């Protein structure tokens, strides 16, 4: 099966670590590309490229403010990721239940000593 194009698929877009770092940075509020590049140690063209990909998949919005273009997180684009990962909730709940049971066993063994 062919892999989806990076620019049209949210999962592929966020598979790139620097794009995830940009999303994390933008959680604190909108920023111009120069601040994104500086904060993450990227070149401005590199940050612009990643921001374009994130904008194309609906994870980032932008608008002009004077001479600058400001970028902001649009978390609505993460809805598909949230729904997909939510399908694994039962696995994690069962894992935590097993861990809790193991911890209780350890506590009971220590109390017997």
PDB file of N, CA and C in Angstrom:
ATOM      1  N   UNK A   1       0.849  -1.178   0.000  1.00  0.00           N
ATOM      2  CA  UNK A   1       0.000   0.000   0.000  1.00  0.00           C
ATOM      3  C   UNK A   1       0.889   1.233   0.000  1.00  0.00           C
ATOM      4  N   UNK A   2       0.584   2.158  -0.865  1.00  0.00           N
ATOM      5  CA  UNK A   2       1.378   3.390  -0.959  1.00  0.00           C
ATOM      6  C   UNK A   2       1.139   4.261   0.254  1.00  0.00           C
ATOM      7  N   UNK A   3       2.165   4.928   0.664  1.00  0.00           N
ATOM      8  CA  UNK A   3       2.075   5.820   1.806  1.00  0.00           C
ATOM      9  C   UNK A   3       1.431   7.140   1.386  1.00  0.00           C
ATOM     10  N   UNK A   4       0.593   7.694   2.256  1.00  0.00           N
ATOM     11  CA  UNK A   4      -0.073   8.960   1.942  1.00  0.00           C
ATOM     12  C   UNK A   4       0.956  10.082   1.854  1.00  0.00           C
ATOM     13  N   UNK A   5       0.684  11.044   1.010  1.00  0.00           N
ATOM     14  CA  UNK A   5       1.583  12.186   0.875  1.00  0.00           C
ATOM     15  C   UNK A   5       1.634  12.966   2.178  1.00  0.00           C
ATOM     16  N   UNK A   6       2.817  13.408   2.554  1.00  0.00           N
ATOM     17  CA  UNK A   6       3.011  14.113   3.812  1.00  0.00           C
ATOM     18  C   UNK A   6       2.134  15.351   3.909  1.00  0.00           C
ATOM     19  N   UNK A   7       1.973  16.045   2.815  1.00  0.00           N
ATOM     20  CA  UNK A   7       1.245  17.297   2.890  1.00  0.00           C
ATOM     21  C   UNK A   7      -0.261  17.128   2.982  1.00  0.00           C
ATOM     22  N   UNK A   8      -0.776  15.931   2.841  1.00  0.00           N
ATOM     23  CA  UNK A   8      -2.227  15.769   2.894  1.00  0.00           C
ATOM     24  C   UNK A   8      -2.688  14.873   4.032  1.00  0.00           C
ATOM     25  N   UNK A   9      -1.773  14.403   4.864  1.00  0.00           N
ATOM     26  CA  UNK A   9      -2.120  13.469   5.913  1.00  0.00           C
ATOM     27  C   UNK A   9      -1.574  13.954   7.260  1.00  0.00           C
ATOM     28  N   UNK A  10      -2.476  14.112   8.227  1.00  0.00           N
ATOM     29  CA  UNK A  10      -2.073  14.611   9.546  1.00  0.00           C
ATOM     30  C   UNK A  10      -1.066  13.681  10.206  1.00  0.00           C
ATOM     31  N   UNK A  11      -1.274  12.386  10.073  1.00  0.00           N
ATOM     32  CA  UNK A  11      -0.379  11.427  10.719  1.00  0.00           C
ATOM     33  C   UNK A  11       1.042  11.545  10.173  1.00  0.00           C
ATOM     34  N   UNK A  12       1.164  11.658   8.858  1.00  0.00           N
ATOM     35  CA  UNK A  12       2.500  11.825   8.277  1.00  0.00           C
ATOM     36  C   UNK A  12       3.103  13.170   8.669  1.00  0.00           C
ATOM     37  N   UNK A  13       2.280  14.195   8.714  1.00  0.00           N
ATOM     38  CA  UNK A  13       2.787  15.524   9.059  1.00  0.00           C
ATOM     39  C   UNK A  13       3.363  15.538  10.467  1.00  0.00           C
ATOM     40  N   UNK A  14       2.686  14.895  11.422  1.00  0.00           N
ATOM     41  CA  UNK A  14       3.181  14.940  12.796  1.00  0.00           C
ATOM     42  C   UNK A  14       4.210  13.846  13.073  1.00  0.00           C
ATOM     43  N   UNK A  15       4.471  12.993  12.099  1.00  0.00           N
ATOM     44  CA  UNK A  15       5.538  12.002  12.273  1.00  0.00           C
ATOM     45  C   UNK A  15       6.903  12.673  12.280  1.00  0.00           C
ATOM     46  N   UNK A  16       7.012  13.860  11.740  1.00  0.00           N
ATOM     47  CA  UNK A  16       8.276  14.593  11.688  1.00  0.00           C
ATOM     48  C   UNK A  16       8.480  15.288  13.037  1.00  0.00           C
ATOM     49  N   UNK A  17       9.569  14.968  13.752  1.00  0.00           N
ATOM     50  CA  UNK A  17       9.767  15.519  15.101  1.00  0.00           C
ATOM     51  C   UNK A  17       9.784  17.047  15.178  1.00  0.00           C
ATOM     52  N   UNK A  18      10.350  17.700  14.186  1.00  0.00           N
ATOM     53  CA  UNK A  18      10.393  19.169  14.254  1.00  0.00           C
ATOM     54  C   UNK A  18       8.994  19.766  14.121  1.00  0.00           C
ATOM     55  N   UNK A  19       8.134  19.114  13.375  1.00  0.00           N
ATOM     56  CA  UNK A  19       6.754  19.610  13.265  1.00  0.00           C
ATOM     57  C   UNK A  19       6.019  19.449  14.591  1.00  0.00           C
ATOM     58  N   UNK A  20       6.298  18.342  15.284  1.00  0.00           N
ATOM     59  CA  UNK A  20       5.681  18.181  16.612  1.00  0.00           C
ATOM     60  C   UNK A  20       6.208  19.249  17.557  1.00  0.00           C
ATOM     61  N   UNK A  21       7.493  19.588  17.446  1.00  0.00           N
ATOM     62  CA  UNK A  21       8.055  20.649  18.289  1.00  0.00           C
ATOM     63  C   UNK A  21       7.388  21.991  17.982  1.00  0.00           C
ATOM     64  N   UNK A  22       7.119  22.249  16.724  1.00  0.00           N
ATOM     65  CA  UNK A  22       6.441  23.492  16.359  1.00  0.00           C
ATOM     66  C   UNK A  22       5.042  23.529  16.972  1.00  0.00           C
ATOM     67  N   UNK A  23       4.326  22.413  16.895  1.00  0.00           N
ATOM     68  CA  UNK A  23       2.978  22.364  17.476  1.00  0.00           C
ATOM     69  C   UNK A  23       3.037  22.597  18.978  1.00  0.00           C
ATOM     70  N   UNK A  24       4.019  22.004  19.624  1.00  0.00           N
ATOM     71  CA  UNK A  24       4.174  22.202  21.063  1.00  0.00           C
ATOM     72  C   UNK A  24       4.452  23.670  21.367  1.00  0.00           C
ATOM     73  N   UNK A  25       5.315  24.287  20.590  1.00  0.00           N
ATOM     74  CA  UNK A  25       5.631  25.705  20.780  1.00  0.00           C
ATOM     75  C   UNK A  25       4.396  26.576  20.585  1.00  0.00           C
ATOM     76  N   UNK A  26       3.601  26.254  19.578  1.00  0.00           N
ATOM     77  CA  UNK A  26       2.426  27.078  19.271  1.00  0.00           C
ATOM     78  C   UNK A  26       1.285  26.882  20.264  1.00  0.00           C
ATOM     79  N   UNK A  27       1.395  25.871  21.132  1.00  0.00           N
ATOM     80  CA  UNK A  27       0.364  25.724  22.177  1.00  0.00           C
ATOM     81  C   UNK A  27       0.328  26.944  23.078  1.00  0.00           C
ATOM     82  N   UNK A  28       1.483  27.619  23.225  1.00  0.00           N
ATOM     83  CA  UNK A  28       1.576  28.788  24.102  1.00  0.00           C
ATOM     84  C   UNK A  28       1.024  30.047  23.440  1.00  0.00           C
ATOM     85  N   UNK A  29       0.757  29.984  22.143  1.00  0.00           N
ATOM     86  CA  UNK A  29       0.201  31.152  21.467  1.00  0.00           C
ATOM     87  C   UNK A  29       0.819  31.356  20.104  1.00  0.00           C
ATOM     88  N   UNK A  30       0.237  32.261  19.365  1.00  0.00           N
ATOM     89  CA  UNK A  30       0.699  32.482  18.000  1.00  0.00           C
ATOM     90  C   UNK A  30       2.064  33.156  17.975  1.00  0.00           C
ATOM     91  N   UNK A  31       2.811  32.858  16.926  1.00  0.00           N
ATOM     92  CA  UNK A  31       4.171  33.386  16.784  1.00  0.00           C
ATOM     93  C   UNK A  31       4.489  33.585  15.298  1.00  0.00           C
ATOM     94  N   UNK A  32       5.374  34.554  15.028  1.00  0.00           N
ATOM     95  CA  UNK A  32       5.855  34.682  13.653  1.00  0.00           C
ATOM     96  C   UNK A  32       6.888  33.607  13.360  1.00  0.00           C
ATOM     97  N   UNK A  33       7.106  33.349  12.095  1.00  0.00           N
ATOM     98  CA  UNK A  33       8.037  32.293  11.695  1.00  0.00           C
ATOM     99  C   UNK A  33       9.440  32.541  12.258  1.00  0.00           C
ATOM    100  N   UNK A  34       9.841  33.807  12.399  1.00  0.00           N
ATOM    101  CA  UNK A  34      11.188  34.093  12.924  1.00  0.00           C
ATOM    102  C   UNK A  34      11.330  33.571  14.347  1.00  0.00           C
ATOM    103  N   UNK A  35      10.298  33.728  15.158  1.00  0.00           N
ATOM    104  CA  UNK A  35      10.351  33.233  16.545  1.00  0.00           C
ATOM    105  C   UNK A  35      10.323  31.705  16.587  1.00  0.00           C
ATOM    106  N   UNK A  36       9.553  31.118  15.709  1.00  0.00           N
ATOM    107  CA  UNK A  36       9.510  29.649  15.647  1.00  0.00           C
ATOM    108  C   UNK A  36      10.895  29.121  15.297  1.00  0.00           C
ATOM    109  N   UNK A  37      11.506  29.724  14.280  1.00  0.00           N
ATOM    110  CA  UNK A  37      12.828  29.279  13.836  1.00  0.00           C
ATOM    111  C   UNK A  37      13.862  29.451  14.947  1.00  0.00           C
ATOM    112  N   UNK A  38      13.844  30.606  15.591  1.00  0.00           N
ATOM    113  CA  UNK A  38      14.821  30.877  16.657  1.00  0.00           C
ATOM    114  C   UNK A  38      14.618  29.942  17.853  1.00  0.00           C
ATOM    115  N   UNK A  39      13.391  29.766  18.265  1.00  0.00           N
ATOM    116  CA  UNK A  39      13.107  28.930  19.439  1.00  0.00           C
ATOM    117  C   UNK A  39      13.526  27.477  19.228  1.00  0.00           C
ATOM    118  N   UNK A  40      13.437  27.008  17.996  1.00  0.00           N
ATOM    119  CA  UNK A  40      13.719  25.597  17.728  1.00  0.00           C
ATOM    120  C   UNK A  40      15.055  25.382  17.026  1.00  0.00           C
ATOM    121  N   UNK A  41      15.837  26.451  16.881  1.00  0.00           N
ATOM    122  CA  UNK A  41      17.164  26.315  16.277  1.00  0.00           C
ATOM    123  C   UNK A  41      17.121  25.910  14.816  1.00  0.00           C
ATOM    124  N   UNK A  42      16.146  26.416  14.096  1.00  0.00           N
ATOM    125  CA  UNK A  42      15.986  26.107  12.670  1.00  0.00           C
ATOM    126  C   UNK A  42      16.327  27.343  11.854  1.00  0.00           C
ATOM    127  N   UNK A  43      16.516  27.122  10.579  1.00  0.00           N
ATOM    128  CA  UNK A  43      16.592  28.259   9.672  1.00  0.00           C
ATOM    129  C   UNK A  43      15.170  28.735   9.419  1.00  0.00           C
ATOM    130  N   UNK A  44      15.026  29.979   9.021  1.00  0.00           N
ATOM    131  CA  UNK A  44      13.685  30.484   8.720  1.00  0.00           C
ATOM    132  C   UNK A  44      13.045  29.746   7.546  1.00  0.00           C
ATOM    133  N   UNK A  45      13.805  29.461   6.467  1.00  0.00           N
ATOM    134  CA  UNK A  45      13.182  28.679   5.381  1.00  0.00           C
ATOM    135  C   UNK A  45      12.747  27.285   5.841  1.00  0.00           C
ATOM    136  N   UNK A  46      13.529  26.687   6.716  1.00  0.00           N
ATOM    137  CA  UNK A  46      13.172  25.364   7.234  1.00  0.00           C
ATOM    138  C   UNK A  46      11.899  25.425   8.060  1.00  0.00           C
ATOM    139  N   UNK A  47      11.800  26.426   8.935  1.00  0.00           N
ATOM    140  CA  UNK A  47      10.590  26.587   9.750  1.00  0.00           C
ATOM    141  C   UNK A  47       9.391  26.880   8.854  1.00  0.00           C
ATOM    142  N   UNK A  48       9.601  27.715   7.829  1.00  0.00           N
ATOM    143  CA  UNK A  48       8.503  28.039   6.897  1.00  0.00           C
ATOM    144  C   UNK A  48       7.998  26.788   6.189  1.00  0.00           C
ATOM    145  N   UNK A  49       8.922  25.935   5.800  1.00  0.00           N
ATOM    146  CA  UNK A  49       8.539  24.693   5.112  1.00  0.00           C
ATOM    147  C   UNK A  49       7.676  23.817   6.019  1.00  0.00           C
ATOM    148  N   UNK A  50       8.101  23.667   7.260  1.00  0.00           N
ATOM    149  CA  UNK A  50       7.320  22.845   8.194  1.00  0.00           C
ATOM    150  C   UNK A  50       5.966  23.488   8.497  1.00  0.00           C
ATOM    151  N   UNK A  51       5.954  24.813   8.653  1.00  0.00           N
ATOM    152  CA  UNK A  51       4.689  25.496   8.926  1.00  0.00           C
ATOM    153  C   UNK A  51       3.723  25.363   7.741  1.00  0.00           C
ATOM    154  N   UNK A  52       4.252  25.379   6.528  1.00  0.00           N
ATOM    155  CA  UNK A  52       3.397  25.210   5.347  1.00  0.00           C
ATOM    156  C   UNK A  52       2.737  23.833   5.366  1.00  0.00           C
ATOM    157  N   UNK A  53       3.532  22.802   5.682  1.00  0.00           N
ATOM    158  CA  UNK A  53       2.977  21.447   5.750  1.00  0.00           C
ATOM    159  C   UNK A  53       1.898  21.374   6.827  1.00  0.00           C
ATOM    160  N   UNK A  54       2.172  21.949   7.994  1.00  0.00           N
ATOM    161  CA  UNK A  54       1.197  21.915   9.096  1.00  0.00           C
ATOM    162  C   UNK A  54      -0.072  22.694   8.733  1.00  0.00           C
ATOM    163  N   UNK A  55       0.092  23.786   8.007  1.00  0.00           N
ATOM    164  CA  UNK A  55      -1.071  24.563   7.571  1.00  0.00           C
ATOM    165  C   UNK A  55      -1.901  23.765   6.563  1.00  0.00           C
ATOM    166  N   UNK A  56      -1.240  23.073   5.654  1.00  0.00           N
ATOM    167  CA  UNK A  56      -1.945  22.320   4.616  1.00  0.00           C
ATOM    168  C   UNK A  56      -2.755  21.153   5.177  1.00  0.00           C
ATOM    169  N   UNK A  57      -2.341  20.604   6.303  1.00  0.00           N
ATOM    170  CA  UNK A  57      -3.112  19.506   6.900  1.00  0.00           C
ATOM    171  C   UNK A  57      -4.074  20.009   7.972  1.00  0.00           C
ATOM    172  N   UNK A  58      -4.139  21.324   8.159  1.00  0.00           N
ATOM    173  CA  UNK A  58      -5.124  21.910   9.063  1.00  0.00           C
ATOM    174  C   UNK A  58      -4.711  21.969  10.516  1.00  0.00           C
ATOM    175  N   UNK A  59      -3.421  21.886  10.804  1.00  0.00           N
ATOM    176  CA  UNK A  59      -2.971  21.948  12.195  1.00  0.00           C
ATOM    177  C   UNK A  59      -2.523  23.346  12.608  1.00  0.00           C
ATOM    178  N   UNK A  60      -2.328  24.203  11.637  1.00  0.00           N
ATOM    179  CA  UNK A  60      -1.855  25.567  11.901  1.00  0.00           C
ATOM    180  C   UNK A  60      -2.660  26.530  11.038  1.00  0.00           C
ATOM    181  N   UNK A  61      -2.983  27.666  11.612  1.00  0.00           N
ATOM    182  CA  UNK A  61      -3.611  28.755  10.873  1.00  0.00           C
ATOM    183  C   UNK A  61      -2.648  29.921  10.846  1.00  0.00           C
ATOM    184  N   UNK A  62      -2.757  30.758   9.857  1.00  0.00           N
ATOM    185  CA  UNK A  62      -1.899  31.941   9.811  1.00  0.00           C
ATOM    186  C   UNK A  62      -2.703  33.157   9.382  1.00  0.00           C
ATOM    187  N   UNK A  63      -2.171  34.325   9.743  1.00  0.00           N
ATOM    188  CA  UNK A  63      -2.767  35.590   9.306  1.00  0.00           C
ATOM    189  C   UNK A  63      -1.692  36.661   9.339  1.00  0.00           C
ATOM    190  N   UNK A  64      -1.911  37.698   8.593  1.00  0.00           N
ATOM    191  CA  UNK A  64      -0.959  38.804   8.535  1.00  0.00           C
ATOM    192  C   UNK A  64      -1.219  39.776   9.667  1.00  0.00           C
ATOM    193  N   UNK A  65      -0.122  40.270  10.256  1.00  0.00           N
ATOM    194  CA  UNK A  65      -0.180  41.321  11.271  1.00  0.00           C
ATOM    195  C   UNK A  65       0.950  42.290  10.916  1.00  0.00           C
ATOM    196  N   UNK A  66       0.605  43.302  10.155  1.00  0.00           N
ATOM    197  CA  UNK A  66       1.623  44.226   9.661  1.00  0.00           C
ATOM    198  C   UNK A  66       2.495  43.518   8.643  1.00  0.00           C
ATOM    199  N   UNK A  67       3.806  43.554   8.882  1.00  0.00           N
ATOM    200  CA  UNK A  67       4.726  42.911   7.941  1.00  0.00           C
ATOM    201  C   UNK A  67       4.940  41.432   8.250  1.00  0.00           C
ATOM    202  N   UNK A  68       4.410  40.998   9.380  1.00  0.00           N
ATOM    203  CA  UNK A  68       4.638  39.613   9.795  1.00  0.00           C
ATOM    204  C   UNK A  68       3.429  38.736   9.497  1.00  0.00           C
ATOM    205  N   UNK A  69       3.706  37.469   9.320  1.00  0.00           N
ATOM    206  CA  UNK A  69       2.654  36.451   9.238  1.00  0.00           C
ATOM    207  C   UNK A  69       2.743  35.669  10.546  1.00  0.00           C
ATOM    208  N   UNK A  70       1.637  35.638  11.258  1.00  0.00           N
ATOM    209  CA  UNK A  70       1.602  34.943  12.547  1.00  0.00           C
ATOM    210  C   UNK A  70       0.967  33.571  12.378  1.00  0.00           C
ATOM    211  N   UNK A  71       1.528  32.596  13.052  1.00  0.00           N
ATOM    212  CA  UNK A  71       1.048  31.211  12.988  1.00  0.00           C
ATOM    213  C   UNK A  71       0.489  30.808  14.349  1.00  0.00           C
ATOM    214  N   UNK A  72      -0.620  30.102  14.308  1.00  0.00           N
ATOM    215  CA  UNK A  72      -1.265  29.648  15.545  1.00  0.00           C
ATOM    216  C   UNK A  72      -1.694  28.193  15.394  1.00  0.00           C
ATOM    217  N   UNK A  73      -1.671  27.474  16.480  1.00  0.00           N
ATOM    218  CA  UNK A  73      -2.126  26.086  16.506  1.00  0.00           C
ATOM    219  C   UNK A  73      -3.620  26.016  16.244  1.00  0.00           C
ATOM    220  N   UNK A  74      -4.044  25.077  15.446  1.00  0.00           N
ATOM    221  CA  UNK A  74      -5.459  24.779  15.254  1.00  0.00           C
ATOM    222  C   UNK A  74      -5.648  23.317  15.658  1.00  0.00           C
ATOM    223  N   UNK A  75      -5.881  23.111  16.943  1.00  0.00           N
ATOM    224  CA  UNK A  75      -5.926  21.755  17.491  1.00  0.00           C
ATOM    225  C   UNK A  75      -7.080  20.933  16.925  1.00  0.00           C
ATOM    226  N   UNK A  76      -8.042  21.580  16.262  1.00  0.00           N
ATOM    227  CA  UNK A  76      -9.148  20.810  15.676  1.00  0.00           C
ATOM    228  C   UNK A  76      -8.620  19.808  14.658  1.00  0.00           C
ATOM    229  N   UNK A  77      -7.482  20.131  14.059  1.00  0.00           N
ATOM    230  CA  UNK A  77      -6.880  19.229  13.079  1.00  0.00           C
ATOM    231  C   UNK A  77      -6.371  17.940  13.689  1.00  0.00           C
ATOM    232  N   UNK A  78      -6.210  17.920  15.014  1.00  0.00           N
ATOM    233  CA  UNK A  78      -5.730  16.723  15.703  1.00  0.00           C
ATOM    234  C   UNK A  78      -6.872  15.778  16.077  1.00  0.00           C
ATOM    235  N   UNK A  79      -8.096  16.133  15.718  1.00  0.00           N
ATOM    236  CA  UNK A  79      -9.255  15.317  16.086  1.00  0.00           C
ATOM    237  C   UNK A  79      -9.119  13.874  15.596  1.00  0.00           C
ATOM    238  N   UNK A  80      -8.666  13.686  14.351  1.00  0.00           N
ATOM    239  CA  UNK A  80      -8.524  12.323  13.812  1.00  0.00           C
ATOM    240  C   UNK A  80      -7.465  11.537  14.588  1.00  0.00           C
ATOM    241  N   UNK A  81      -6.392  12.200  14.985  1.00  0.00           N
ATOM    242  CA  UNK A  81      -5.333  11.543  15.766  1.00  0.00           C
ATOM    243  C   UNK A  81      -5.883  11.154  17.136  1.00  0.00           C
ATOM    244  N   UNK A  82      -6.625  12.076  17.743  1.00  0.00           N
ATOM    245  CA  UNK A  82      -7.212  11.821  19.056  1.00  0.00           C
ATOM    246  C   UNK A  82      -8.175  10.633  18.996  1.00  0.00           C
ATOM    247  N   UNK A  83      -9.014  10.608  17.969  1.00  0.00           N
ATOM    248  CA  UNK A  83      -9.985   9.516  17.838  1.00  0.00           C
ATOM    249  C   UNK A  83      -9.271   8.179  17.612  1.00  0.00           C
ATOM    250  N   UNK A  84      -8.228   8.194  16.806  1.00  0.00           N
ATOM    251  CA  UNK A  84      -7.513   6.948  16.531  1.00  0.00           C
ATOM    252  C   UNK A  84      -6.801   6.438  17.783  1.00  0.00           C
ATOM    253  N   UNK A  85      -6.095   7.324  18.462  1.00  0.00           N
ATOM    254  CA  UNK A  85      -5.370   6.886  19.668  1.00  0.00           C
ATOM    255  C   UNK A  85      -6.341   6.488  20.779  1.00  0.00           C
ATOM    256  N   UNK A  86      -7.534   7.087  20.784  1.00  0.00           N
ATOM    257  CA  UNK A  86      -8.535   6.728  21.782  1.00  0.00           C
ATOM    258  C   UNK A  86      -8.950   5.265  21.677  1.00  0.00           C
ATOM    259  N   UNK A  87      -8.762   4.661  20.502  1.00  0.00           N
ATOM    260  CA  UNK A  87      -9.080   3.254  20.313  1.00  0.00           C
ATOM    261  C   UNK A  87      -8.179   2.329  21.115  1.00  0.00           C
ATOM    262  N   UNK A  88      -7.090   2.870  21.628  1.00  0.00           N
ATOM    263  CA  UNK A  88      -6.162   2.074  22.421  1.00  0.00           C
ATOM    264  C   UNK A  88      -6.366   2.278  23.925  1.00  0.00           C
ATOM    265  N   UNK A  89      -7.385   3.028  24.283  1.00  0.00           N
ATOM    266  CA  UNK A  89      -7.637   3.337  25.683  1.00  0.00           C
ATOM    267  C   UNK A  89      -7.840   2.071  26.518  1.00  0.00           C
ATOM    268  N   UNK A  90      -8.566   1.096  25.970  1.00  0.00           N
ATOM    269  CA  UNK A  90      -8.801  -0.150  26.715  1.00  0.00           C
ATOM    270  C   UNK A  90      -7.485  -0.849  27.026  1.00  0.00           C
ATOM    271  N   UNK A  91      -6.558  -0.854  26.053  1.00  0.00           N
ATOM    272  CA  UNK A  91      -5.249  -1.473  26.276  1.00  0.00           C
ATOM    273  C   UNK A  91      -4.543  -0.807  27.456  1.00  0.00           C
ATOM    274  N   UNK A  92      -4.530   0.526  27.476  1.00  0.00           N
ATOM    275  CA  UNK A  92      -3.829   1.238  28.549  1.00  0.00           C
ATOM    276  C   UNK A  92      -4.530   1.050  29.886  1.00  0.00           C
ATOM    277  N   UNK A  93      -5.866   1.064  29.865  1.00  0.00           N
ATOM    278  CA  UNK A  93      -6.597   0.859  31.120  1.00  0.00           C
ATOM    279  C   UNK A  93      -6.302  -0.520  31.694  1.00  0.00           C
ATOM    280  N   UNK A  94      -6.276  -1.545  30.835  1.00  0.00           N
ATOM    281  CA  UNK A  94      -5.968  -2.892  31.315  1.00  0.00           C
ATOM    282  C   UNK A  94      -4.531  -2.983  31.825  1.00  0.00           C
ATOM    283  N   UNK A  95      -3.621  -2.286  31.165  1.00  0.00           N
ATOM    284  CA  UNK A  95      -2.223  -2.283  31.619  1.00  0.00           C
ATOM    285  C   UNK A  95      -2.103  -1.617  32.984  1.00  0.00           C
ATOM    286  N   UNK A  96      -2.789  -0.501  33.161  1.00  0.00           N
ATOM    287  CA  UNK A  96      -2.743   0.188  34.455  1.00  0.00           C
ATOM    288  C   UNK A  96      -3.399  -0.662  35.542  1.00  0.00           C
ATOM    289  N   UNK A  97      -4.475  -1.367  35.200  1.00  0.00           N
ATOM    290  CA  UNK A  97      -5.125  -2.248  36.172  1.00  0.00           C
ATOM    291  C   UNK A  97      -4.159  -3.358  36.617  1.00  0.00           C
ATOM    292  N   UNK A  98      -3.430  -3.957  35.656  1.00  0.00           N
ATOM    293  CA  UNK A  98      -2.452  -5.001  36.008  1.00  0.00           C
ATOM    294  C   UNK A  98      -1.341  -4.418  36.872  1.00  0.00           C
ATOM    295  N   UNK A  99      -0.894  -3.212  36.546  1.00  0.00           N
ATOM    296  CA  UNK A  99       0.145  -2.561  37.336  1.00  0.00           C
ATOM    297  C   UNK A  99      -0.350  -2.273  38.752  1.00  0.00           C
ATOM    298  N   UNK A 100      -1.567  -1.778  38.860  1.00  0.00           N
ATOM    299  CA  UNK A 100      -2.146  -1.519  40.182  1.00  0.00           C
ATOM    300  C   UNK A 100      -2.225  -2.804  40.999  1.00  0.00           C
ATOM    301  N   UNK A 101      -2.656  -3.905  40.366  1.00  0.00           N
ATOM    302  CA  UNK A 101      -2.756  -5.180  41.075  1.00  0.00           C
ATOM    303  C   UNK A 101      -1.379  -5.642  41.547  1.00  0.00           C
ATOM    304  N   UNK A 102      -0.367  -5.470  40.719  1.00  0.00           N
ATOM    305  CA  UNK A 102       0.996  -5.862  41.084  1.00  0.00           C
ATOM    306  C   UNK A 102       1.503  -5.020  42.258  1.00  0.00           C
ATOM    307  N   UNK A 103       1.246  -3.742  42.234  1.00  0.00           N
ATOM    308  CA  UNK A 103       1.678  -2.863  43.328  1.00  0.00           C
ATOM    309  C   UNK A 103       0.987  -3.271  44.629  1.00  0.00           C
ATOM    310  N   UNK A 104      -0.297  -3.595  44.560  1.00  0.00           N
ATOM    311  CA  UNK A 104      -1.023  -4.035  45.755  1.00  0.00           C
ATOM    312  C   UNK A 104      -0.422  -5.323  46.314  1.00  0.00           C
ATOM    313  N   UNK A 105      -0.049  -6.257  45.419  1.00  0.00           N
ATOM    314  CA  UNK A 105       0.579  -7.503  45.857  1.00  0.00           C
ATOM    315  C   UNK A 105       1.901  -7.218  46.574  1.00  0.00           C
ATOM    316  N   UNK A 106       2.693  -6.308  46.006  1.00  0.00           N
ATOM    317  CA  UNK A 106       3.974  -5.951  46.632  1.00  0.00           C
ATOM    318  C   UNK A 106       3.766  -5.333  48.011  1.00  0.00           C
ATOM    319  N   UNK A 107       2.760  -4.461  48.122  1.00  0.00           N
ATOM    320  CA  UNK A 107       2.477  -3.827  49.408  1.00  0.00           C
ATOM    321  C   UNK A 107       2.076  -4.865  50.446  1.00  0.00           C
ATOM    322  N   UNK A 108       1.231  -5.836  50.028  1.00  0.00           N
ATOM    323  CA  UNK A 108       0.782  -6.865  50.963  1.00  0.00           C
ATOM    324  C   UNK A 108       1.946  -7.750  51.399  1.00  0.00           C
ATOM    325  N   UNK A 109       2.855  -8.067  50.477  1.00  0.00           N
ATOM    326  CA  UNK A 109       4.027  -8.878  50.815  1.00  0.00           C
ATOM    327  C   UNK A 109       4.928  -8.152  51.808  1.00  0.00           C
ATOM    328  N   UNK A 110       5.082  -6.838  51.615  1.00  0.00           N
ATOM    329  CA  UNK A 110       5.930  -6.060  52.536  1.00  0.00           C
ATOM    330  C   UNK A 110       5.306  -5.966  53.924  1.00  0.00           C
ATOM    331  N   UNK A 111       3.974  -5.892  53.975  1.00  0.00           N
ATOM    332  CA  UNK A 111       3.306  -5.818  55.266  1.00  0.00           C
ATOM    333  C   UNK A 111       3.455  -7.119  56.046  1.00  0.00           C
ATOM    334  N   UNK A 112       3.568  -8.243  55.340  1.00  0.00           N
ATOM    335  CA  UNK A 112       3.711  -9.544  55.984  1.00  0.00           C
ATOM    336  C   UNK A 112       5.100  -9.719  56.571  1.00  0.00           C
ATOM    337  N   UNK A 113       6.078  -9.000  55.997  1.00  0.00           N
ATOM    338  CA  UNK A 113       7.478  -9.178  56.433  1.00  0.00           C
ATOM    339  C   UNK A 113       7.742  -8.577  57.791  1.00  0.00           C
TER     340      UNK A 113
END
